[in-house]
């Protein structure tokens, strides 16, 4: 669940330009990382429901 929350924060922060990936100074990169976290969090939640 925390993956989804942090992912959404990264996406919003990257879209507004307030956050950037350290070392790359890239907002789209932090948005991609956030999207990956949201997807991974969704997979974890779906796996948890099946068990």
N, C-alpha and C. Protein backbone atom coordinates (compact mmCIF):
# COMPACT_ATOMS: atom_id res chain seq x y z
N UNK A 1 0.83 -1.20 0.00
CA UNK A 1 0.00 0.00 0.00
C UNK A 1 0.87 1.26 0.00
N UNK A 2 1.96 1.23 0.77
CA UNK A 2 2.81 2.41 0.84
C UNK A 2 3.46 2.69 -0.51
N UNK A 3 3.65 1.63 -1.32
CA UNK A 3 4.24 1.81 -2.65
C UNK A 3 3.35 2.72 -3.50
N UNK A 4 2.07 2.50 -3.40
CA UNK A 4 1.11 3.27 -4.20
C UNK A 4 1.12 4.73 -3.77
N UNK A 5 1.13 4.96 -2.47
CA UNK A 5 1.10 6.34 -1.96
C UNK A 5 2.37 7.09 -2.38
N UNK A 6 3.53 6.47 -2.18
CA UNK A 6 4.78 7.12 -2.56
C UNK A 6 4.84 7.32 -4.07
N UNK A 7 4.35 6.33 -4.82
CA UNK A 7 4.33 6.44 -6.28
C UNK A 7 3.49 7.62 -6.74
N UNK A 8 2.34 7.79 -6.14
CA UNK A 8 1.46 8.91 -6.51
C UNK A 8 2.14 10.25 -6.17
N UNK A 9 2.81 10.30 -5.03
CA UNK A 9 3.53 11.53 -4.65
C UNK A 9 4.63 11.83 -5.67
N UNK A 10 5.37 10.79 -6.09
CA UNK A 10 6.41 10.99 -7.09
C UNK A 10 5.83 11.47 -8.41
N UNK A 11 4.72 10.90 -8.82
CA UNK A 11 4.09 11.30 -10.08
C UNK A 11 3.63 12.76 -10.02
N UNK A 12 2.95 13.12 -8.95
CA UNK A 12 2.47 14.49 -8.82
C UNK A 12 3.64 15.47 -8.70
N UNK A 13 4.64 15.11 -7.91
CA UNK A 13 5.81 15.98 -7.75
C UNK A 13 6.57 16.16 -9.04
N UNK A 14 6.70 15.10 -9.83
CA UNK A 14 7.38 15.20 -11.11
C UNK A 14 6.58 16.02 -12.12
N UNK A 15 5.26 15.85 -12.10
CA UNK A 15 4.41 16.58 -13.04
C UNK A 15 4.42 18.09 -12.76
N UNK A 16 4.53 18.44 -11.49
CA UNK A 16 4.54 19.86 -11.15
C UNK A 16 5.94 20.47 -11.24
N UNK A 17 6.95 19.61 -11.35
CA UNK A 17 8.32 20.11 -11.43
C UNK A 17 8.96 20.34 -10.08
N UNK A 18 8.30 19.95 -9.01
CA UNK A 18 8.83 20.16 -7.65
C UNK A 18 9.83 19.07 -7.27
N UNK A 19 9.75 17.90 -7.90
CA UNK A 19 10.67 16.80 -7.60
C UNK A 19 11.42 16.40 -8.87
N UNK A 20 12.66 15.96 -8.67
CA UNK A 20 13.46 15.45 -9.78
C UNK A 20 14.32 14.32 -9.25
N UNK A 21 14.64 13.38 -10.12
CA UNK A 21 15.47 12.25 -9.73
C UNK A 21 16.89 12.73 -9.44
N UNK A 22 17.41 12.37 -8.28
CA UNK A 22 18.76 12.79 -7.89
C UNK A 22 19.78 12.24 -8.87
N UNK A 23 20.68 13.06 -9.29
CA UNK A 23 21.74 12.66 -10.21
C UNK A 23 21.38 12.92 -11.66
N UNK A 24 20.10 12.87 -11.98
CA UNK A 24 19.67 13.09 -13.35
C UNK A 24 18.96 14.43 -13.51
N UNK A 25 18.48 14.99 -12.41
CA UNK A 25 17.68 16.22 -12.43
C UNK A 25 16.55 16.11 -13.45
N UNK A 26 15.87 14.98 -13.44
CA UNK A 26 14.86 14.69 -14.44
C UNK A 26 13.50 14.45 -13.79
N UNK A 27 12.54 15.32 -14.08
CA UNK A 27 11.19 15.11 -13.58
C UNK A 27 10.51 13.92 -14.24
N UNK A 28 10.66 13.71 -15.57
CA UNK A 28 10.03 12.52 -16.17
C UNK A 28 10.57 11.21 -15.58
N UNK A 29 11.83 11.19 -15.17
CA UNK A 29 12.39 9.98 -14.58
C UNK A 29 11.74 9.67 -13.24
N UNK A 30 11.49 10.69 -12.43
CA UNK A 30 10.85 10.46 -11.13
C UNK A 30 9.39 10.06 -11.34
N UNK A 31 8.77 10.58 -12.40
CA UNK A 31 7.40 10.17 -12.72
C UNK A 31 7.36 8.70 -13.15
N UNK A 32 8.35 8.26 -13.92
CA UNK A 32 8.42 6.86 -14.34
C UNK A 32 8.65 5.96 -13.14
N UNK A 33 9.50 6.39 -12.23
CA UNK A 33 9.74 5.63 -11.01
C UNK A 33 8.45 5.53 -10.19
N UNK A 34 7.72 6.63 -10.10
CA UNK A 34 6.44 6.63 -9.39
C UNK A 34 5.43 5.70 -10.03
N UNK A 35 5.39 5.69 -11.36
CA UNK A 35 4.47 4.79 -12.05
C UNK A 35 4.84 3.34 -11.77
N UNK A 36 6.15 3.06 -11.75
CA UNK A 36 6.59 1.70 -11.43
C UNK A 36 6.19 1.29 -10.03
N UNK A 37 6.30 2.21 -9.08
CA UNK A 37 5.89 1.92 -7.71
C UNK A 37 4.39 1.67 -7.61
N UNK A 38 3.61 2.44 -8.35
CA UNK A 38 2.15 2.25 -8.33
C UNK A 38 1.80 0.87 -8.90
N UNK A 39 2.43 0.50 -10.00
CA UNK A 39 2.17 -0.81 -10.61
C UNK A 39 2.58 -1.92 -9.65
N UNK A 40 3.77 -1.81 -9.06
CA UNK A 40 4.25 -2.84 -8.14
C UNK A 40 3.33 -2.94 -6.92
N UNK A 41 2.89 -1.82 -6.39
CA UNK A 41 1.95 -1.83 -5.27
C UNK A 41 0.63 -2.48 -5.64
N UNK A 42 0.16 -2.23 -6.85
CA UNK A 42 -1.07 -2.88 -7.32
C UNK A 42 -0.91 -4.39 -7.43
N UNK A 43 0.24 -4.83 -7.93
CA UNK A 43 0.50 -6.27 -8.03
C UNK A 43 0.52 -6.88 -6.64
N UNK A 44 1.15 -6.23 -5.69
CA UNK A 44 1.21 -6.75 -4.33
C UNK A 44 -0.18 -6.84 -3.70
N UNK A 45 -1.01 -5.83 -3.95
CA UNK A 45 -2.37 -5.86 -3.40
C UNK A 45 -3.19 -6.98 -4.03
N UNK A 46 -3.04 -7.20 -5.33
CA UNK A 46 -3.78 -8.27 -5.98
C UNK A 46 -3.32 -9.63 -5.48
N UNK A 47 -2.03 -9.81 -5.28
CA UNK A 47 -1.51 -11.07 -4.74
C UNK A 47 -2.03 -11.30 -3.33
N UNK A 48 -2.16 -10.26 -2.55
CA UNK A 48 -2.65 -10.38 -1.18
C UNK A 48 -4.11 -10.79 -1.13
N UNK A 49 -4.90 -10.36 -2.11
CA UNK A 49 -6.31 -10.72 -2.15
C UNK A 49 -6.51 -12.17 -2.53
N UNK A 50 -5.63 -12.73 -3.34
CA UNK A 50 -5.76 -14.10 -3.80
C UNK A 50 -5.46 -15.10 -2.70
N UNK A 51 -4.66 -14.71 -1.72
CA UNK A 51 -4.27 -15.66 -0.67
C UNK A 51 -5.26 -15.71 0.45
